[in-house]
Amino acid sequence: MRVQVPPPALFRKPPIFYVVFFVLGFILGEVLSSYLPSILPKSGALELATQKFQFGLESLKIDLIFAVFQFGLKIKASVLGILSALAFVVIGRHL
């Protein structure tokens, strides 16, 4: 008889653990992208890592007859923030 071994789980910890690690990595990356240009000399790699971009909803307007609701959400991020957040999740997976 062959004993079937279940495949290893993709995530060994609860998902909230990975969300917390992602947010912590993102915050650390954004702090680094703010302070690194004042510490390090200017270079192309530094400009690429600290490049900021925005995504989200500029303005979502719902116009009802009796009320107008307007929502907006923009997230400003840098390449370094996204990379450090992903690195934190990978490190958290191996803890």
PDB file of N, CA and C in Angstrom:
ATOM      1  N   MET A   1       0.827  -1.183   0.000  1.00  0.00           N
ATOM      2  CA  MET A   1       0.000   0.000   0.000  1.00  0.00           C
ATOM      3  C   MET A   1       0.869   1.243   0.000  1.00  0.00           C
ATOM      4  N   ARG A   2       0.424   2.204  -0.718  1.00  0.00           N
ATOM      5  CA  ARG A   2       1.119   3.488  -0.747  1.00  0.00           C
ATOM      6  C   ARG A   2       0.421   4.460   0.190  1.00  0.00           C
ATOM      7  N   VAL A   3       1.210   5.149   0.953  1.00  0.00           N
ATOM      8  CA  VAL A   3       0.676   6.165   1.848  1.00  0.00           C
ATOM      9  C   VAL A   3       0.732   7.500   1.129  1.00  0.00           C
ATOM     10  N   GLN A   4      -0.411   8.153   1.030  1.00  0.00           N
ATOM     11  CA  GLN A   4      -0.448   9.444   0.350  1.00  0.00           C
ATOM     12  C   GLN A   4      -0.129  10.550   1.349  1.00  0.00           C
ATOM     13  N   VAL A   5       0.843  11.337   0.978  1.00  0.00           N
ATOM     14  CA  VAL A   5       1.242  12.473   1.801  1.00  0.00           C
ATOM     15  C   VAL A   5       0.588  13.713   1.211  1.00  0.00           C
ATOM     16  N   PRO A   6      -0.120  14.482   2.040  1.00  0.00           N
ATOM     17  CA  PRO A   6      -0.751  15.691   1.488  1.00  0.00           C
ATOM     18  C   PRO A   6       0.312  16.699   1.060  1.00  0.00           C
ATOM     19  N   PRO A   7       0.014  17.474   0.027  1.00  0.00           N
ATOM     20  CA  PRO A   7       0.982  18.481  -0.416  1.00  0.00           C
ATOM     21  C   PRO A   7       1.164  19.547   0.661  1.00  0.00           C
ATOM     22  N   PRO A   8       2.344  20.163   0.694  1.00  0.00           N
ATOM     23  CA  PRO A   8       2.559  21.210   1.708  1.00  0.00           C
ATOM     24  C   PRO A   8       1.637  22.402   1.443  1.00  0.00           C
ATOM     25  N   ALA A   9       1.189  22.992   2.512  1.00  0.00           N
ATOM     26  CA  ALA A   9       0.295  24.142   2.385  1.00  0.00           C
ATOM     27  C   ALA A   9       1.061  25.336   1.835  1.00  0.00           C
ATOM     28  N   LEU A  10       0.389  26.095   1.008  1.00  0.00           N
ATOM     29  CA  LEU A  10       1.011  27.282   0.439  1.00  0.00           C
ATOM     30  C   LEU A  10       1.305  28.302   1.532  1.00  0.00           C
ATOM     31  N   PHE A  11       0.357  28.461   2.447  1.00  0.00           N
ATOM     32  CA  PHE A  11       0.532  29.372   3.568  1.00  0.00           C
ATOM     33  C   PHE A  11       0.443  28.561   4.850  1.00  0.00           C
ATOM     34  N   ARG A  12       1.466  28.645   5.668  1.00  0.00           N
ATOM     35  CA  ARG A  12       1.487  27.872   6.899  1.00  0.00           C
ATOM     36  C   ARG A  12       0.892  28.622   8.078  1.00  0.00           C
ATOM     37  N   LYS A  13       0.689  29.885   7.933  1.00  0.00           N
ATOM     38  CA  LYS A  13       0.177  30.720   9.017  1.00  0.00           C
ATOM     39  C   LYS A  13      -1.133  31.355   8.575  1.00  0.00           C
ATOM     40  N   PRO A  14      -1.882  31.936   9.508  1.00  0.00           N
ATOM     41  CA  PRO A  14      -3.138  32.599   9.112  1.00  0.00           C
ATOM     42  C   PRO A  14      -2.871  33.781   8.170  1.00  0.00           C
ATOM     43  N   PRO A  15      -3.810  34.077   7.293  1.00  0.00           N
ATOM     44  CA  PRO A  15      -3.609  35.165   6.328  1.00  0.00           C
ATOM     45  C   PRO A  15      -3.354  36.533   6.976  1.00  0.00           C
ATOM     46  N   ILE A  16      -3.902  36.774   8.163  1.00  0.00           N
ATOM     47  CA  ILE A  16      -3.679  38.068   8.809  1.00  0.00           C
ATOM     48  C   ILE A  16      -2.205  38.278   9.130  1.00  0.00           C
ATOM     49  N   PHE A  17      -1.476  37.209   9.377  1.00  0.00           N
ATOM     50  CA  PHE A  17      -0.034  37.277   9.622  1.00  0.00           C
ATOM     51  C   PHE A  17       0.674  37.871   8.409  1.00  0.00           C
ATOM     52  N   TYR A  18       0.297  37.404   7.218  1.00  0.00           N
ATOM     53  CA  TYR A  18       0.927  37.887   5.990  1.00  0.00           C
ATOM     54  C   TYR A  18       0.490  39.321   5.667  1.00  0.00           C
ATOM     55  N   VAL A  19      -0.745  39.666   5.991  1.00  0.00           N
ATOM     56  CA  VAL A  19      -1.215  41.039   5.767  1.00  0.00           C
ATOM     57  C   VAL A  19      -0.426  42.003   6.656  1.00  0.00           C
ATOM     58  N   VAL A  20      -0.224  41.615   7.918  1.00  0.00           N
ATOM     59  CA  VAL A  20       0.539  42.463   8.838  1.00  0.00           C
ATOM     60  C   VAL A  20       1.972  42.615   8.347  1.00  0.00           C
ATOM     61  N   PHE A  21       2.592  41.520   7.902  1.00  0.00           N
ATOM     62  CA  PHE A  21       3.954  41.605   7.386  1.00  0.00           C
ATOM     63  C   PHE A  21       4.017  42.470   6.129  1.00  0.00           C
ATOM     64  N   PHE A  22       3.014  42.372   5.245  1.00  0.00           N
ATOM     65  CA  PHE A  22       2.989  43.191   4.036  1.00  0.00           C
ATOM     66  C   PHE A  22       2.904  44.672   4.395  1.00  0.00           C
ATOM     67  N   VAL A  23       2.024  45.011   5.321  1.00  0.00           N
ATOM     68  CA  VAL A  23       1.854  46.415   5.722  1.00  0.00           C
ATOM     69  C   VAL A  23       3.127  46.938   6.394  1.00  0.00           C
ATOM     70  N   LEU A  24       3.733  46.145   7.266  1.00  0.00           N
ATOM     71  CA  LEU A  24       4.985  46.575   7.912  1.00  0.00           C
ATOM     72  C   LEU A  24       6.096  46.785   6.889  1.00  0.00           C
ATOM     73  N   GLY A  25       6.222  45.880   5.936  1.00  0.00           N
ATOM     74  CA  GLY A  25       7.219  46.037   4.884  1.00  0.00           C
ATOM     75  C   GLY A  25       6.953  47.251   4.015  1.00  0.00           C
ATOM     76  N   PHE A  26       5.678  47.501   3.721  1.00  0.00           N
ATOM     77  CA  PHE A  26       5.322  48.663   2.913  1.00  0.00           C
ATOM     78  C   PHE A  26       5.666  49.957   3.638  1.00  0.00           C
ATOM     79  N   ILE A  27       5.354  50.028   4.927  1.00  0.00           N
ATOM     80  CA  ILE A  27       5.661  51.225   5.713  1.00  0.00           C
ATOM     81  C   ILE A  27       7.170  51.439   5.782  1.00  0.00           C
ATOM     82  N   LEU A  28       7.925  50.382   6.045  1.00  0.00           N
ATOM     83  CA  LEU A  28       9.380  50.499   6.097  1.00  0.00           C
ATOM     84  C   LEU A  28       9.949  50.943   4.753  1.00  0.00           C
ATOM     85  N   GLY A  29       9.448  50.394   3.664  1.00  0.00           N
ATOM     86  CA  GLY A  29       9.909  50.791   2.336  1.00  0.00           C
ATOM     87  C   GLY A  29       9.608  52.235   2.011  1.00  0.00           C
ATOM     88  N   GLU A  30       8.443  52.708   2.414  1.00  0.00           N
ATOM     89  CA  GLU A  30       8.088  54.109   2.155  1.00  0.00           C
ATOM     90  C   GLU A  30       8.924  55.063   3.007  1.00  0.00           C
ATOM     91  N   VAL A  31       9.216  54.683   4.239  1.00  0.00           N
ATOM     92  CA  VAL A  31      10.093  55.519   5.072  1.00  0.00           C
ATOM     93  C   VAL A  31      11.490  55.569   4.460  1.00  0.00           C
ATOM     94  N   LEU A  32      11.989  54.426   4.007  1.00  0.00           N
ATOM     95  CA  LEU A  32      13.309  54.398   3.358  1.00  0.00           C
ATOM     96  C   LEU A  32      13.316  55.237   2.081  1.00  0.00           C
ATOM     97  N   SER A  33      12.240  55.156   1.293  1.00  0.00           N
ATOM     98  CA  SER A  33      12.222  55.927   0.044  1.00  0.00           C
ATOM     99  C   SER A  33      12.137  57.428   0.307  1.00  0.00           C
ATOM    100  N   SER A  34      11.690  57.829   1.491  1.00  0.00           N
ATOM    101  CA  SER A  34      11.667  59.248   1.832  1.00  0.00           C
ATOM    102  C   SER A  34      13.030  59.747   2.297  1.00  0.00           C
ATOM    103  N   TYR A  35      13.750  58.910   3.054  1.00  0.00           N
ATOM    104  CA  TYR A  35      14.999  59.362   3.663  1.00  0.00           C
ATOM    105  C   TYR A  35      16.265  59.000   2.876  1.00  0.00           C
ATOM    106  N   LEU A  36      16.214  57.983   2.034  1.00  0.00           N
ATOM    107  CA  LEU A  36      17.422  57.595   1.299  1.00  0.00           C
ATOM    108  C   LEU A  36      17.957  58.676   0.361  1.00  0.00           C
ATOM    109  N   PRO A  37      17.103  59.440  -0.351  1.00  0.00           N
ATOM    110  CA  PRO A  37      17.665  60.477  -1.229  1.00  0.00           C
ATOM    111  C   PRO A  37      18.456  61.546  -0.492  1.00  0.00           C
ATOM    112  N   SER A  38      18.163  61.783   0.775  1.00  0.00           N
ATOM    113  CA  SER A  38      18.932  62.786   1.513  1.00  0.00           C
ATOM    114  C   SER A  38      20.238  62.219   2.064  1.00  0.00           C
ATOM    115  N   ILE A  39      20.364  60.898   2.131  1.00  0.00           N
ATOM    116  CA  ILE A  39      21.560  60.263   2.681  1.00  0.00           C
ATOM    117  C   ILE A  39      22.529  59.829   1.588  1.00  0.00           C
ATOM    118  N   LEU A  40      21.996  59.180   0.551  1.00  0.00           N
ATOM    119  CA  LEU A  40      22.840  58.612  -0.504  1.00  0.00           C
ATOM    120  C   LEU A  40      23.038  59.614  -1.643  1.00  0.00           C
ATOM    121  N   PRO A  41      24.154  59.492  -2.379  1.00  0.00           N
ATOM    122  CA  PRO A  41      24.343  60.363  -3.547  1.00  0.00           C
ATOM    123  C   PRO A  41      23.350  59.989  -4.651  1.00  0.00           C
ATOM    124  N   LYS A  42      23.048  60.948  -5.496  1.00  0.00           N
ATOM    125  CA  LYS A  42      22.072  60.713  -6.561  1.00  0.00           C
ATOM    126  C   LYS A  42      22.614  59.703  -7.567  1.00  0.00           C
ATOM    127  N   SER A  43      21.740  58.792  -7.962  1.00  0.00           N
ATOM    128  CA  SER A  43      22.078  57.816  -8.993  1.00  0.00           C
ATOM    129  C   SER A  43      20.788  57.368  -9.669  1.00  0.00           C
ATOM    130  N   GLY A  44      20.929  56.688 -10.776  1.00  0.00           N
ATOM    131  CA  GLY A  44      19.760  56.211 -11.507  1.00  0.00           C
ATOM    132  C   GLY A  44      18.995  55.152 -10.736  1.00  0.00           C
ATOM    133  N   ALA A  45      19.731  54.267 -10.048  1.00  0.00           N
ATOM    134  CA  ALA A  45      19.075  53.211  -9.276  1.00  0.00           C
ATOM    135  C   ALA A  45      18.288  53.801  -8.112  1.00  0.00           C
ATOM    136  N   LEU A  46      18.825  54.817  -7.474  1.00  0.00           N
ATOM    137  CA  LEU A  46      18.126  55.456  -6.357  1.00  0.00           C
ATOM    138  C   LEU A  46      16.870  56.161  -6.849  1.00  0.00           C
ATOM    139  N   GLU A  47      16.957  56.821  -8.000  1.00  0.00           N
ATOM    140  CA  GLU A  47      15.782  57.492  -8.550  1.00  0.00           C
ATOM    141  C   GLU A  47      14.697  56.487  -8.933  1.00  0.00           C
ATOM    142  N   LEU A  48      15.098  55.337  -9.465  1.00  0.00           N
ATOM    143  CA  LEU A  48      14.136  54.304  -9.826  1.00  0.00           C
ATOM    144  C   LEU A  48      13.476  53.722  -8.581  1.00  0.00           C
ATOM    145  N   ALA A  49      14.263  53.456  -7.540  1.00  0.00           N
ATOM    146  CA  ALA A  49      13.720  52.848  -6.319  1.00  0.00           C
ATOM    147  C   ALA A  49      12.799  53.794  -5.570  1.00  0.00           C
ATOM    148  N   THR A  50      13.058  55.075  -5.647  1.00  0.00           N
ATOM    149  CA  THR A  50      12.240  56.038  -4.908  1.00  0.00           C
ATOM    150  C   THR A  50      11.177  56.703  -5.782  1.00  0.00           C
ATOM    151  N   GLN A  51      11.016  56.238  -7.006  1.00  0.00           N
ATOM    152  CA  GLN A  51      10.001  56.779  -7.908  1.00  0.00           C
ATOM    153  C   GLN A  51       8.617  56.526  -7.323  1.00  0.00           C
ATOM    154  N   LYS A  52       7.817  57.563  -7.189  1.00  0.00           N
ATOM    155  CA  LYS A  52       6.468  57.450  -6.629  1.00  0.00           C
ATOM    156  C   LYS A  52       5.447  57.347  -7.754  1.00  0.00           C
ATOM    157  N   PHE A  53       4.444  56.532  -7.553  1.00  0.00           N
ATOM    158  CA  PHE A  53       3.321  56.453  -8.478  1.00  0.00           C
ATOM    159  C   PHE A  53       2.036  56.373  -7.663  1.00  0.00           C
ATOM    160  N   GLN A  54       0.933  56.741  -8.297  1.00  0.00           N
ATOM    161  CA  GLN A  54      -0.363  56.777  -7.625  1.00  0.00           C
ATOM    162  C   GLN A  54      -1.340  55.881  -8.363  1.00  0.00           C
ATOM    163  N   PHE A  55      -2.214  55.256  -7.608  1.00  0.00           N
ATOM    164  CA  PHE A  55      -3.302  54.520  -8.215  1.00  0.00           C
ATOM    165  C   PHE A  55      -4.504  54.573  -7.287  1.00  0.00           C
ATOM    166  N   GLY A  56      -5.675  54.425  -7.864  1.00  0.00           N
ATOM    167  CA  GLY A  56      -6.903  54.476  -7.087  1.00  0.00           C
ATOM    168  C   GLY A  56      -7.998  55.205  -7.831  1.00  0.00           C
ATOM    169  N   LEU A  57      -9.035  55.556  -7.104  1.00  0.00           N
ATOM    170  CA  LEU A  57     -10.164  56.281  -7.675  1.00  0.00           C
ATOM    171  C   LEU A  57     -10.016  57.763  -7.378  1.00  0.00           C
ATOM    172  N   GLU A  58     -10.027  58.558  -8.411  1.00  0.00           N
ATOM    173  CA  GLU A  58      -9.942  60.006  -8.234  1.00  0.00           C
ATOM    174  C   GLU A  58     -11.224  60.522  -7.585  1.00  0.00           C
ATOM    175  N   SER A  59     -12.341  60.211  -8.204  1.00  0.00           N
ATOM    176  CA  SER A  59     -13.605  60.685  -7.665  1.00  0.00           C
ATOM    177  C   SER A  59     -14.725  59.801  -8.215  1.00  0.00           C
ATOM    178  N   LEU A  60     -15.381  59.111  -7.323  1.00  0.00           N
ATOM    179  CA  LEU A  60     -16.544  58.303  -7.696  1.00  0.00           C
ATOM    180  C   LEU A  60     -17.766  59.031  -7.146  1.00  0.00           C
ATOM    181  N   LYS A  61     -18.618  59.482  -8.053  1.00  0.00           N
ATOM    182  CA  LYS A  61     -19.749  60.305  -7.652  1.00  0.00           C
ATOM    183  C   LYS A  61     -21.047  59.536  -7.893  1.00  0.00           C
ATOM    184  N   ILE A  62     -21.836  59.397  -6.834  1.00  0.00           N
ATOM    185  CA  ILE A  62     -23.143  58.758  -6.929  1.00  0.00           C
ATOM    186  C   ILE A  62     -24.188  59.846  -6.673  1.00  0.00           C
ATOM    187  N   ASP A  63     -24.928  60.161  -7.699  1.00  0.00           N
ATOM    188  CA  ASP A  63     -25.906  61.249  -7.605  1.00  0.00           C
ATOM    189  C   ASP A  63     -27.310  60.659  -7.521  1.00  0.00           C
ATOM    190  N   LEU A  64     -27.867  60.681  -6.322  1.00  0.00           N
ATOM    191  CA  LEU A  64     -29.255  60.294  -6.127  1.00  0.00           C
ATOM    192  C   LEU A  64     -30.106  61.552  -6.173  1.00  0.00           C
ATOM    193  N   ILE A  65     -31.366  61.400  -6.213  1.00  0.00           N
ATOM    194  CA  ILE A  65     -32.238  62.570  -6.309  1.00  0.00           C
ATOM    195  C   ILE A  65     -32.153  63.428  -5.040  1.00  0.00           C
ATOM    196  N   PHE A  66     -32.041  62.784  -3.903  1.00  0.00           N
ATOM    197  CA  PHE A  66     -32.065  63.510  -2.630  1.00  0.00           C
ATOM    198  C   PHE A  66     -30.680  63.687  -2.009  1.00  0.00           C
ATOM    199  N   ALA A  67     -29.648  63.061  -2.547  1.00  0.00           N
ATOM    200  CA  ALA A  67     -28.304  63.183  -1.953  1.00  0.00           C
ATOM    201  C   ALA A  67     -27.249  62.882  -3.010  1.00  0.00           C
ATOM    202  N   VAL A  68     -26.070  63.424  -2.773  1.00  0.00           N
ATOM    203  CA  VAL A  68     -24.920  63.168  -3.638  1.00  0.00           C
ATOM    204  C   VAL A  68     -23.805  62.602  -2.761  1.00  0.00           C
ATOM    205  N   PHE A  69     -23.337  61.420  -3.138  1.00  0.00           N
ATOM    206  CA  PHE A  69     -22.225  60.791  -2.427  1.00  0.00           C
ATOM    207  C   PHE A  69     -20.996  60.839  -3.322  1.00  0.00           C
ATOM    208  N   GLN A  70     -19.894  61.214  -2.728  1.00  0.00           N
ATOM    209  CA  GLN A  70     -18.659  61.297  -3.494  1.00  0.00           C
ATOM    210  C   GLN A  70     -17.557  60.592  -2.709  1.00  0.00           C
ATOM    211  N   PHE A  71     -16.903  59.648  -3.364  1.00  0.00           N
ATOM    212  CA  PHE A  71     -15.842  58.863  -2.741  1.00  0.00           C
ATOM    213  C   PHE A  71     -14.562  59.013  -3.547  1.00  0.00           C
ATOM    214  N   GLY A  72     -13.454  58.884  -2.880  1.00  0.00           N
ATOM    215  CA  GLY A  72     -12.169  58.899  -3.554  1.00  0.00           C
ATOM    216  C   GLY A  72     -11.129  58.206  -2.703  1.00  0.00           C
ATOM    217  N   LEU A  73     -10.244  57.503  -3.352  1.00  0.00           N
ATOM    218  CA  LEU A  73      -9.168  56.812  -2.649  1.00  0.00           C
ATOM    219  C   LEU A  73      -7.961  56.764  -3.573  1.00  0.00           C
ATOM    220  N   LYS A  74      -6.850  57.294  -3.100  1.00  0.00           N
ATOM    221  CA  LYS A  74      -5.609  57.235  -3.856  1.00  0.00           C
ATOM    222  C   LYS A  74      -4.529  56.702  -2.951  1.00  0.00           C
ATOM    223  N   ILE A  75      -3.741  55.831  -3.478  1.00  0.00           N
ATOM    224  CA  ILE A  75      -2.608  55.283  -2.747  1.00  0.00           C
ATOM    225  C   ILE A  75      -1.349  55.707  -3.481  1.00  0.00           C
ATOM    226  N   LYS A  76      -0.444  56.317  -2.755  1.00  0.00           N
ATOM    227  CA  LYS A  76       0.828  56.731  -3.326  1.00  0.00           C
ATOM    228  C   LYS A  76       1.885  55.751  -2.833  1.00  0.00           C
ATOM    229  N   ALA A  77       2.604  55.148  -3.747  1.00  0.00           N
ATOM    230  CA  ALA A  77       3.586  54.132  -3.383  1.00  0.00           C
ATOM    231  C   ALA A  77       4.854  54.331  -4.197  1.00  0.00           C
ATOM    232  N   SER A  78       5.925  53.729  -3.720  1.00  0.00           N
ATOM    233  CA  SER A  78       7.176  53.743  -4.453  1.00  0.00           C
ATOM    234  C   SER A  78       7.570  52.302  -4.765  1.00  0.00           C
ATOM    235  N   VAL A  79       8.496  52.169  -5.686  1.00  0.00           N
ATOM    236  CA  VAL A  79       8.986  50.842  -6.059  1.00  0.00           C
ATOM    237  C   VAL A  79       9.632  50.177  -4.849  1.00  0.00           C
ATOM    238  N   LEU A  80      10.384  50.933  -4.072  1.00  0.00           N
ATOM    239  CA  LEU A  80      11.039  50.391  -2.884  1.00  0.00           C
ATOM    240  C   LEU A  80      10.018  49.923  -1.849  1.00  0.00           C
ATOM    241  N   GLY A  81       8.900  50.627  -1.713  1.00  0.00           N
ATOM    242  CA  GLY A  81       7.855  50.217  -0.782  1.00  0.00           C
ATOM    243  C   GLY A  81       7.223  48.894  -1.170  1.00  0.00           C
ATOM    244  N   ILE A  82       6.929  48.725  -2.460  1.00  0.00           N
ATOM    245  CA  ILE A  82       6.329  47.475  -2.936  1.00  0.00           C
ATOM    246  C   ILE A  82       7.320  46.321  -2.805  1.00  0.00           C
ATOM    247  N   LEU A  83       8.571  46.553  -3.187  1.00  0.00           N
ATOM    248  CA  LEU A  83       9.565  45.480  -3.094  1.00  0.00           C
ATOM    249  C   LEU A  83       9.840  45.062  -1.651  1.00  0.00           C
ATOM    250  N   SER A  84       9.901  46.020  -0.749  1.00  0.00           N
ATOM    251  CA  SER A  84      10.148  45.653   0.644  1.00  0.00           C
ATOM    252  C   SER A  84       8.936  44.951   1.244  1.00  0.00           C
ATOM    253  N   ALA A  85       7.726  45.314   0.840  1.00  0.00           N
ATOM    254  CA  ALA A  85       6.530  44.620   1.327  1.00  0.00           C
ATOM    255  C   ALA A  85       6.521  43.172   0.864  1.00  0.00           C
ATOM    256  N   LEU A  86       6.866  42.939  -0.393  1.00  0.00           N
ATOM    257  CA  LEU A  86       6.927  41.572  -0.895  1.00  0.00           C
ATOM    258  C   LEU A  86       8.047  40.780  -0.234  1.00  0.00           C
ATOM    259  N   ALA A  87       9.172  41.432   0.037  1.00  0.00           N
ATOM    260  CA  ALA A  87      10.273  40.757   0.724  1.00  0.00           C
ATOM    261  C   ALA A  87       9.869  40.364   2.146  1.00  0.00           C
ATOM    262  N   PHE A  88       9.113  41.215   2.815  1.00  0.00           N
ATOM    263  CA  PHE A  88       8.643  40.890   4.166  1.00  0.00           C
ATOM    264  C   PHE A  88       7.708  39.676   4.137  1.00  0.00           C
ATOM    265  N   VAL A  89       6.852  39.583   3.126  1.00  0.00           N
ATOM    266  CA  VAL A  89       5.947  38.439   3.032  1.00  0.00           C
ATOM    267  C   VAL A  89       6.737  37.151   2.788  1.00  0.00           C
ATOM    268  N   VAL A  90       7.751  37.209   1.945  1.00  0.00           N
ATOM    269  CA  VAL A  90       8.577  36.020   1.694  1.00  0.00           C
ATOM    270  C   VAL A  90       9.331  35.624   2.959  1.00  0.00           C
ATOM    271  N   ILE A  91       9.872  36.591   3.668  1.00  0.00           N
ATOM    272  CA  ILE A  91      10.556  36.291   4.922  1.00  0.00           C
ATOM    273  C   ILE A  91       9.572  35.722   5.950  1.00  0.00           C
ATOM    274  N   GLY A  92       8.373  36.287   6.016  1.00  0.00           N
ATOM    275  CA  GLY A  92       7.367  35.790   6.940  1.00  0.00           C
ATOM    276  C   GLY A  92       6.929  34.379   6.631  1.00  0.00           C
ATOM    277  N   ARG A  93       6.950  34.008   5.365  1.00  0.00           N
ATOM    278  CA  ARG A  93       6.573  32.647   4.974  1.00  0.00           C
ATOM    279  C   ARG A  93       7.579  31.631   5.498  1.00  0.00           C
ATOM    280  N   HIS A  94       8.816  32.036   5.610  1.00  0.00           N
ATOM    281  CA  HIS A  94       9.861  31.109   6.054  1.00  0.00           C
ATOM    282  C   HIS A  94      10.112  31.150   7.545  1.00  0.00           C
ATOM    283  N   LEU A  95       9.369  31.950   8.287  1.00  0.00           N
ATOM    284  CA  LEU A  95       9.528  31.974   9.750  1.00  0.00           C
ATOM    285  C   LEU A  95       8.834  30.808  10.392  1.00  0.00           C
TER     286      LEU A  95
END
